[in-house]
Amino acid sequence: MLDTYDAVLFDCDGVLVDSERITNTVLREMLLELGWQVSVEDCFRLFVGRAVKDESALIASHTGFTVTDEWIAEFRARRNVALTRDLLPIPGAVAAVRAIDGLTGGMLACASGADRPKIELQLTKVGLDDVFAGKIFSGMETPRSKPAPDVYLAAAAALGIDPARAAVVEDTPTGVRAGVAAGATVFGYCPADSPAHQAPQVMLDAGATYTFADMAELPALLATAQPENRVLRTIDR
C-alpha cells in the first residue's frame, strides 16, 4: 500500500492521454477560419492547460468574433471526432495508473479542466474508464476553472481525504497552480523533447515539488516522495 499519500489525483490531457496536439490542431484550424493567423507554437502557449471558453476575450481581441455557445459546441464536436480517431495514451500511463490503483486501494481520481464528455471519451478510448468510474471531476462543473483549486478540492472531498494528503499529477503550470492552491503536493510530468509539455524548471517555478520524465517512474516516486507541508491558498481569477 501507498503510505506517503492518501490519494492520487490525475489531470487528464497531457498526463493520461496524448491529446494536446490533437485538440490544438482543431482549435487552430477554427481560429484560422476566424482570421487569426496564430502559429502552432503560439496556439500551444496560449491555450494548453486552459479552457477555451475562458479565453473568449483573447479570441475576440484577435478576431473581432464573439465566442458563442454554438461555436464552442462546434469546436467540441470537431475535437471529439479527431480524438476518437487519433487519441493514444501517454506512454506508460495505463500501466502506471493501474499500479497506483493497486497501491492506493482505489484511492485515485481524474480531475480535469475539460468538459465531462471529453474526459469520459478519452478515458474510454485508452481503456482507463473502469479505473476512474465514479471518480471523474470536471472543472467545467465547479465554480472556477484551474488555476483555482476547485476541481481538486471537489475530488479530495469526494474521496473523503484532506487535500494536503493528496498527490496531484499535472503537466501544465496552470494545473500545478491549481494543485498547489488546493494544498496538495504536485508532481510535474515533463517528458523530454515534447512540444506539448513544459521544461522541469517551468513546472518547479509554478510550484511543483517534484518533476519526472517517464510515467513508468511514477509509482515508485509516489511511494518515496514525501508530502509538501502546504496550506490551502486562495486563487483570484
C-alpha atoms as a PDB file:
ATOM      1  CA  MET A   1       0.000   0.000   0.000  1.00  0.00           C
ATOM      2  CA  LEU A   2       0.996   3.626  -0.505  1.00  0.00           C
ATOM      3  CA  ASP A   3       1.952   5.187   2.843  1.00  0.00           C
ATOM      4  CA  THR A   4       3.032   8.618   1.624  1.00  0.00           C
ATOM      5  CA  TYR A   5      -0.306   9.876   0.252  1.00  0.00           C
ATOM      6  CA  ASP A   6      -3.944   9.129   0.960  1.00  0.00           C
ATOM      7  CA  ALA A   7      -4.958   9.588  -2.699  1.00  0.00           C
ATOM      8  CA  VAL A   8      -3.534  10.415  -6.127  1.00  0.00           C
ATOM      9  CA  LEU A   9      -5.391  12.930  -8.292  1.00  0.00           C
ATOM     10  CA  PHE A  10      -4.573  12.903 -12.007  1.00  0.00           C
ATOM     11  CA  ASP A  11      -5.100  15.588 -14.586  1.00  0.00           C
ATOM     12  CA  CYS A  12      -6.193  14.038 -17.890  1.00  0.00           C
ATOM     13  CA  ASP A  13      -4.901  15.844 -21.009  1.00  0.00           C
ATOM     14  CA  GLY A  14      -1.140  15.510 -21.318  1.00  0.00           C
ATOM     15  CA  VAL A  15      -0.949  13.264 -18.247  1.00  0.00           C
ATOM     16  CA  LEU A  16      -3.107  10.265 -19.097  1.00  0.00           C
ATOM     17  CA  VAL A  17      -3.789  10.897 -22.778  1.00  0.00           C
ATOM     18  CA  ASP A  18      -1.697  12.399 -25.557  1.00  0.00           C
ATOM     19  CA  SER A  19      -4.438  14.786 -26.628  1.00  0.00           C
ATOM     20  CA  GLU A  20      -2.969  18.277 -26.631  1.00  0.00           C
ATOM     21  CA  ARG A  21      -1.657  18.204 -30.201  1.00  0.00           C
ATOM     22  CA  ILE A  22      -4.963  16.807 -31.487  1.00  0.00           C
ATOM     23  CA  THR A  23      -7.115  19.344 -29.651  1.00  0.00           C
ATOM     24  CA  ASN A  24      -4.893  22.271 -30.537  1.00  0.00           C
ATOM     25  CA  THR A  25      -4.823  21.307 -34.210  1.00  0.00           C
ATOM     26  CA  VAL A  26      -8.620  21.526 -34.296  1.00  0.00           C
ATOM     27  CA  LEU A  27      -8.649  24.763 -32.315  1.00  0.00           C
ATOM     28  CA  ARG A  28      -6.013  26.352 -34.548  1.00  0.00           C
ATOM     29  CA  GLU A  29      -7.980  25.390 -37.670  1.00  0.00           C
ATOM     30  CA  MET A  30     -11.049  27.125 -36.271  1.00  0.00           C
ATOM     31  CA  LEU A  31      -9.061  30.212 -35.251  1.00  0.00           C
ATOM     32  CA  LEU A  32      -7.575  30.398 -38.743  1.00  0.00           C
ATOM     33  CA  GLU A  33     -11.112  30.254 -40.115  1.00  0.00           C
ATOM     34  CA  LEU A  34     -11.878  33.315 -37.981  1.00  0.00           C
ATOM     35  CA  GLY A  35      -8.891  35.142 -39.472  1.00  0.00           C
ATOM     36  CA  TRP A  36      -6.364  34.770 -36.657  1.00  0.00           C
ATOM     37  CA  GLN A  37      -3.097  33.612 -38.228  1.00  0.00           C
ATOM     38  CA  VAL A  38      -1.935  32.031 -34.985  1.00  0.00           C
ATOM     39  CA  SER A  39       1.147  29.822 -35.154  1.00  0.00           C
ATOM     40  CA  VAL A  40       1.244  26.263 -33.884  1.00  0.00           C
ATOM     41  CA  GLU A  41       3.668  27.346 -31.157  1.00  0.00           C
ATOM     42  CA  ASP A  42       1.525  30.273 -30.012  1.00  0.00           C
ATOM     43  CA  CYS A  43      -1.608  28.141 -30.001  1.00  0.00           C
ATOM     44  CA  PHE A  44       0.093  25.719 -27.619  1.00  0.00           C
ATOM     45  CA  ARG A  45       1.439  28.542 -25.467  1.00  0.00           C
ATOM     46  CA  LEU A  46      -1.856  30.384 -25.211  1.00  0.00           C
ATOM     47  CA  PHE A  47      -4.340  27.546 -24.839  1.00  0.00           C
ATOM     48  CA  VAL A  48      -2.761  24.406 -23.386  1.00  0.00           C
ATOM     49  CA  GLY A  49      -3.990  23.939 -19.841  1.00  0.00           C
ATOM     50  CA  ARG A  50      -6.830  26.439 -20.255  1.00  0.00           C
ATOM     51  CA  ALA A  51     -10.492  26.025 -21.090  1.00  0.00           C
ATOM     52  CA  VAL A  52     -11.278  27.533 -24.493  1.00  0.00           C
ATOM     53  CA  LYS A  53     -14.434  29.180 -23.152  1.00  0.00           C
ATOM     54  CA  ASP A  54     -12.333  31.010 -20.555  1.00  0.00           C
ATOM     55  CA  GLU A  55     -10.255  32.558 -23.347  1.00  0.00           C
ATOM     56  CA  SER A  56     -13.184  34.172 -25.174  1.00  0.00           C
ATOM     57  CA  ALA A  57     -11.806  37.689 -24.664  1.00  0.00           C
ATOM     58  CA  LEU A  58      -8.429  36.673 -26.112  1.00  0.00           C
ATOM     59  CA  ILE A  59     -10.078  35.144 -29.181  1.00  0.00           C
ATOM     60  CA  ALA A  60     -12.251  38.243 -29.642  1.00  0.00           C
ATOM     61  CA  SER A  61      -9.224  40.540 -29.389  1.00  0.00           C
ATOM     62  CA  HIS A  62      -7.532  38.768 -32.323  1.00  0.00           C
ATOM     63  CA  THR A  63     -10.576  38.072 -34.488  1.00  0.00           C
ATOM     64  CA  GLY A  64     -13.357  40.501 -33.579  1.00  0.00           C
ATOM     65  CA  PHE A  65     -15.560  37.420 -33.187  1.00  0.00           C
ATOM     66  CA  THR A  66     -17.691  36.987 -30.099  1.00  0.00           C
ATOM     67  CA  VAL A  67     -17.375  33.390 -28.996  1.00  0.00           C
ATOM     68  CA  THR A  68     -20.839  31.834 -28.837  1.00  0.00           C
ATOM     69  CA  ASP A  69     -22.189  28.637 -27.321  1.00  0.00           C
ATOM     70  CA  GLU A  70     -22.707  27.395 -30.870  1.00  0.00           C
ATOM     71  CA  TRP A  71     -19.042  27.983 -31.762  1.00  0.00           C
ATOM     72  CA  ILE A  72     -17.895  26.164 -28.613  1.00  0.00           C
ATOM     73  CA  ALA A  73     -20.253  23.295 -29.447  1.00  0.00           C
ATOM     74  CA  GLU A  74     -18.809  23.065 -32.972  1.00  0.00           C
ATOM     75  CA  PHE A  75     -15.268  23.090 -31.576  1.00  0.00           C
ATOM     76  CA  ARG A  76     -16.095  20.279 -29.164  1.00  0.00           C
ATOM     77  CA  ALA A  77     -17.790  18.228 -31.878  1.00  0.00           C
ATOM     78  CA  ARG A  78     -14.856  18.566 -34.287  1.00  0.00           C
ATOM     79  CA  ARG A  79     -12.409  17.931 -31.453  1.00  0.00           C
ATOM     80  CA  ASN A  80     -14.221  14.777 -30.373  1.00  0.00           C
ATOM     81  CA  VAL A  81     -14.181  13.365 -33.897  1.00  0.00           C
ATOM     82  CA  ALA A  82     -10.410  13.872 -34.041  1.00  0.00           C
ATOM     83  CA  LEU A  83      -9.880  12.406 -30.570  1.00  0.00           C
ATOM     84  CA  THR A  84     -11.994   9.344 -31.352  1.00  0.00           C
ATOM     85  CA  ARG A  85      -9.925   8.780 -34.477  1.00  0.00           C
ATOM     86  CA  ASP A  86      -6.403   9.589 -33.287  1.00  0.00           C
ATOM     87  CA  LEU A  87      -6.078   9.566 -29.480  1.00  0.00           C
ATOM     88  CA  LEU A  88      -3.396   7.458 -27.799  1.00  0.00           C
ATOM     89  CA  PRO A  89      -2.457   7.149 -24.125  1.00  0.00           C
ATOM     90  CA  ILE A  90       0.606   8.882 -22.766  1.00  0.00           C
ATOM     91  CA  PRO A  91       3.368   6.238 -22.973  1.00  0.00           C
ATOM     92  CA  GLY A  92       3.350   4.169 -19.799  1.00  0.00           C
ATOM     93  CA  ALA A  93       0.312   5.927 -18.312  1.00  0.00           C
ATOM     94  CA  VAL A  94      -2.102   2.983 -18.390  1.00  0.00           C
ATOM     95  CA  ALA A  95       0.295   0.648 -16.587  1.00  0.00           C
ATOM     96  CA  ALA A  96       1.263   3.368 -14.088  1.00  0.00           C
ATOM     97  CA  VAL A  97      -2.354   4.196 -13.253  1.00  0.00           C
ATOM     98  CA  ARG A  98      -3.251   0.545 -12.755  1.00  0.00           C
ATOM     99  CA  ALA A  99      -0.231   0.068 -10.496  1.00  0.00           C
ATOM    100  CA  ILE A 100      -1.168   3.161  -8.469  1.00  0.00           C
ATOM    101  CA  ASP A 101      -4.782   1.983  -8.286  1.00  0.00           C
ATOM    102  CA  GLY A 102      -3.490  -1.155  -6.600  1.00  0.00           C
ATOM    103  CA  LEU A 103      -1.107   0.707  -4.307  1.00  0.00           C
ATOM    104  CA  THR A 104      -3.792   3.112  -3.112  1.00  0.00           C
ATOM    105  CA  GLY A 105      -6.641   0.629  -2.860  1.00  0.00           C
ATOM    106  CA  GLY A 106      -8.589   2.602  -5.449  1.00  0.00           C
ATOM    107  CA  MET A 107      -7.964   5.997  -3.861  1.00  0.00           C
ATOM    108  CA  LEU A 108      -7.407   7.922  -7.061  1.00  0.00           C
ATOM    109  CA  ALA A 109      -9.409  10.263  -9.278  1.00  0.00           C
ATOM    110  CA  CYS A 110      -9.240  12.132 -12.549  1.00  0.00           C
ATOM    111  CA  ALA A 111      -9.630  15.882 -12.007  1.00  0.00           C
ATOM    112  CA  SER A 112      -9.514  17.711 -15.324  1.00  0.00           C
ATOM    113  CA  GLY A 113     -10.337  21.185 -16.526  1.00  0.00           C
ATOM    114  CA  ALA A 114     -12.040  19.676 -19.580  1.00  0.00           C
ATOM    115  CA  ASP A 115     -15.739  19.046 -20.074  1.00  0.00           C
ATOM    116  CA  ARG A 116     -17.024  15.712 -18.787  1.00  0.00           C
ATOM    117  CA  PRO A 117     -17.906  14.201 -22.196  1.00  0.00           C
ATOM    118  CA  LYS A 118     -14.322  14.773 -23.360  1.00  0.00           C
ATOM    119  CA  ILE A 119     -12.837  13.255 -20.214  1.00  0.00           C
ATOM    120  CA  GLU A 120     -15.082  10.197 -20.459  1.00  0.00           C
ATOM    121  CA  LEU A 121     -14.432   9.786 -24.186  1.00  0.00           C
ATOM    122  CA  GLN A 122     -10.685   9.876 -23.642  1.00  0.00           C
ATOM    123  CA  LEU A 123     -10.568   7.527 -20.654  1.00  0.00           C
ATOM    124  CA  THR A 124     -12.743   5.039 -22.534  1.00  0.00           C
ATOM    125  CA  LYS A 125     -10.575   5.332 -25.653  1.00  0.00           C
ATOM    126  CA  VAL A 126      -7.389   4.413 -23.738  1.00  0.00           C
ATOM    127  CA  GLY A 127      -9.001   1.795 -21.510  1.00  0.00           C
ATOM    128  CA  LEU A 128      -8.970   3.601 -18.165  1.00  0.00           C
ATOM    129  CA  ASP A 129     -12.694   4.203 -17.779  1.00  0.00           C
ATOM    130  CA  ASP A 130     -13.058   1.294 -15.350  1.00  0.00           C
ATOM    131  CA  VAL A 131     -10.322   2.610 -13.029  1.00  0.00           C
ATOM    132  CA  PHE A 132     -11.848   6.082 -12.797  1.00  0.00           C
ATOM    133  CA  ALA A 133     -15.530   5.090 -12.871  1.00  0.00           C
ATOM    134  CA  GLY A 134     -17.390   7.311 -10.401  1.00  0.00           C
ATOM    135  CA  LYS A 135     -14.218   9.296  -9.730  1.00  0.00           C
ATOM    136  CA  ILE A 136     -14.177  11.787 -12.623  1.00  0.00           C
ATOM    137  CA  PHE A 137     -14.275  15.504 -11.830  1.00  0.00           C
ATOM    138  CA  SER A 138     -14.624  18.278 -14.408  1.00  0.00           C
ATOM    139  CA  GLY A 139     -13.539  21.857 -13.873  1.00  0.00           C
ATOM    140  CA  MET A 140     -16.490  22.825 -16.064  1.00  0.00           C
ATOM    141  CA  GLU A 141     -18.731  21.704 -13.200  1.00  0.00           C
ATOM    142  CA  THR A 142     -17.038  23.729 -10.453  1.00  0.00           C
ATOM    143  CA  PRO A 143     -17.410  27.456  -9.738  1.00  0.00           C
ATOM    144  CA  ARG A 144     -13.917  28.225 -11.021  1.00  0.00           C
ATOM    145  CA  SER A 145     -11.552  26.575 -13.502  1.00  0.00           C
ATOM    146  CA  LYS A 146      -7.865  25.855 -12.976  1.00  0.00           C
ATOM    147  CA  PRO A 147      -5.668  27.586 -11.742  1.00  0.00           C
ATOM    148  CA  ALA A 148      -8.286  27.819  -8.981  1.00  0.00           C
ATOM    149  CA  PRO A 149      -8.218  24.693  -6.805  1.00  0.00           C
ATOM    150  CA  ASP A 150     -11.941  23.890  -7.061  1.00  0.00           C
ATOM    151  CA  VAL A 151     -11.759  20.693  -9.115  1.00  0.00           C
ATOM    152  CA  TYR A 152      -9.029  19.216  -6.908  1.00  0.00           C
ATOM    153  CA  LEU A 153     -10.900  20.188  -3.763  1.00  0.00           C
ATOM    154  CA  ALA A 154     -14.017  18.515  -5.167  1.00  0.00           C
ATOM    155  CA  ALA A 155     -12.080  15.316  -5.889  1.00  0.00           C
ATOM    156  CA  ALA A 156     -10.484  15.267  -2.433  1.00  0.00           C
ATOM    157  CA  ALA A 157     -13.845  15.866  -0.735  1.00  0.00           C
ATOM    158  CA  ALA A 158     -15.499  13.058  -2.699  1.00  0.00           C
ATOM    159  CA  LEU A 159     -12.711  10.678  -1.670  1.00  0.00           C
ATOM    160  CA  GLY A 160     -13.010  11.854   1.935  1.00  0.00           C
ATOM    161  CA  ILE A 161      -9.397  12.963   2.313  1.00  0.00           C
ATOM    162  CA  ASP A 162      -7.517  16.063   3.388  1.00  0.00           C
ATOM    163  CA  PRO A 163      -6.172  17.626   0.159  1.00  0.00           C
ATOM    164  CA  ALA A 164      -2.857  18.180   1.958  1.00  0.00           C
ATOM    165  CA  ARG A 165      -2.525  14.394   1.935  1.00  0.00           C
ATOM    166  CA  ALA A 166      -3.102  14.177  -1.818  1.00  0.00           C
ATOM    167  CA  ALA A 167      -0.601  13.872  -4.652  1.00  0.00           C
ATOM    168  CA  VAL A 168      -1.582  15.750  -7.809  1.00  0.00           C
ATOM    169  CA  VAL A 169      -0.109  14.765 -11.194  1.00  0.00           C
ATOM    170  CA  GLU A 170      -0.051  17.648 -13.671  1.00  0.00           C
ATOM    171  CA  ASP A 171       1.633  18.724 -16.900  1.00  0.00           C
ATOM    172  CA  THR A 172       0.954  22.488 -17.118  1.00  0.00           C
ATOM    173  CA  PRO A 173       1.797  25.484 -14.920  1.00  0.00           C
ATOM    174  CA  THR A 174      -1.926  26.279 -14.736  1.00  0.00           C
ATOM    175  CA  GLY A 175      -2.650  22.837 -13.353  1.00  0.00           C
ATOM    176  CA  VAL A 176       0.307  22.984 -10.991  1.00  0.00           C
ATOM    177  CA  ARG A 177      -1.006  26.222  -9.505  1.00  0.00           C
ATOM    178  CA  ALA A 178      -4.406  24.596  -9.021  1.00  0.00           C
ATOM    179  CA  GLY A 179      -2.885  21.677  -7.154  1.00  0.00           C
ATOM    180  CA  VAL A 180      -0.716  23.909  -5.009  1.00  0.00           C
ATOM    181  CA  ALA A 181      -3.697  26.144  -4.213  1.00  0.00           C
ATOM    182  CA  ALA A 182      -5.596  23.048  -3.062  1.00  0.00           C
ATOM    183  CA  GLY A 183      -2.793  22.308  -0.601  1.00  0.00           C
ATOM    184  CA  ALA A 184      -1.629  19.157  -2.395  1.00  0.00           C
ATOM    185  CA  THR A 185       1.862  18.032  -3.356  1.00  0.00           C
ATOM    186  CA  VAL A 186       2.246  18.372  -7.116  1.00  0.00           C
ATOM    187  CA  PHE A 187       4.220  16.067  -9.392  1.00  0.00           C
ATOM    188  CA  GLY A 188       5.001  17.635 -12.752  1.00  0.00           C
ATOM    189  CA  TYR A 189       5.161  15.360 -15.777  1.00  0.00           C
ATOM    190  CA  CYS A 190       7.872  16.720 -18.089  1.00  0.00           C
ATOM    191  CA  PRO A 191       8.830  14.293 -20.867  1.00  0.00           C
ATOM    192  CA  ALA A 192      11.865  15.335 -22.850  1.00  0.00           C
ATOM    193  CA  ASP A 193      11.518  16.750 -26.367  1.00  0.00           C
ATOM    194  CA  SER A 194       7.734  17.148 -26.214  1.00  0.00           C
ATOM    195  CA  PRO A 195       6.415  20.440 -27.640  1.00  0.00           C
ATOM    196  CA  ALA A 196       3.160  19.905 -25.743  1.00  0.00           C
ATOM    197  CA  HIS A 197       4.895  19.725 -22.358  1.00  0.00           C
ATOM    198  CA  GLN A 198       6.904  22.077 -20.174  1.00  0.00           C
ATOM    199  CA  ALA A 199      10.530  22.045 -19.073  1.00  0.00           C
ATOM    200  CA  PRO A 200      11.026  20.860 -15.476  1.00  0.00           C
ATOM    201  CA  GLN A 201      12.107  24.304 -14.276  1.00  0.00           C
ATOM    202  CA  VAL A 202       8.892  25.869 -15.583  1.00  0.00           C
ATOM    203  CA  MET A 203       6.877  23.400 -13.524  1.00  0.00           C
ATOM    204  CA  LEU A 204       9.035  23.909 -10.449  1.00  0.00           C
ATOM    205  CA  ASP A 205       8.678  27.663 -10.790  1.00  0.00           C
ATOM    206  CA  ALA A 206       4.887  27.203 -10.870  1.00  0.00           C
ATOM    207  CA  GLY A 207       5.060  25.333  -7.560  1.00  0.00           C
ATOM    208  CA  ALA A 208       5.580  21.656  -8.380  1.00  0.00           C
ATOM    209  CA  THR A 209       7.554  19.828  -5.698  1.00  0.00           C
ATOM    210  CA  TYR A 210       8.737  17.008  -7.941  1.00  0.00           C
ATOM    211  CA  THR A 211       9.153  16.507 -11.680  1.00  0.00           C
ATOM    212  CA  PHE A 212       9.568  13.311 -13.670  1.00  0.00           C
ATOM    213  CA  ALA A 213      10.002  12.417 -17.339  1.00  0.00           C
ATOM    214  CA  ASP A 214       8.684   8.843 -17.619  1.00  0.00           C
ATOM    215  CA  MET A 215       5.296   7.575 -16.418  1.00  0.00           C
ATOM    216  CA  ALA A 216       6.950   4.275 -15.525  1.00  0.00           C
ATOM    217  CA  GLU A 217       8.782   6.169 -12.752  1.00  0.00           C
ATOM    218  CA  LEU A 218       5.630   7.481 -11.096  1.00  0.00           C
ATOM    219  CA  PRO A 219       4.527   4.571  -8.844  1.00  0.00           C
ATOM    220  CA  ALA A 220       7.958   4.323  -7.207  1.00  0.00           C
ATOM    221  CA  LEU A 221       8.257   8.106  -6.950  1.00  0.00           C
ATOM    222  CA  LEU A 222       4.897   8.356  -5.182  1.00  0.00           C
ATOM    223  CA  ALA A 223       5.965   5.624  -2.768  1.00  0.00           C
ATOM    224  CA  THR A 224       9.062   7.519  -1.640  1.00  0.00           C
ATOM    225  CA  ALA A 225       8.393  11.249  -2.151  1.00  0.00           C
ATOM    226  CA  GLN A 226       7.121  12.927   0.984  1.00  0.00           C
ATOM    227  CA  PRO A 227       4.138  15.303   1.029  1.00  0.00           C
ATOM    228  CA  GLU A 228       4.831  19.015   0.955  1.00  0.00           C
ATOM    229  CA  ASN A 229       3.650  20.903   4.025  1.00  0.00           C
ATOM    230  CA  ARG A 230       1.125  23.170   2.335  1.00  0.00           C
ATOM    231  CA  VAL A 231      -1.968  25.075   3.330  1.00  0.00           C
ATOM    232  CA  LEU A 232      -4.952  25.870   1.154  1.00  0.00           C
ATOM    233  CA  ARG A 233      -4.402  29.091  -0.799  1.00  0.00           C
ATOM    234  CA  THR A 234      -6.914  31.394  -2.377  1.00  0.00           C
ATOM    235  CA  ILE A 235      -6.595  31.959  -6.121  1.00  0.00           C
ATOM    236  CA  ASP A 236      -8.205  35.029  -7.620  1.00  0.00           C
ATOM    237  CA  ARG A 237      -9.409  34.781 -11.193  1.00  0.00           C
END
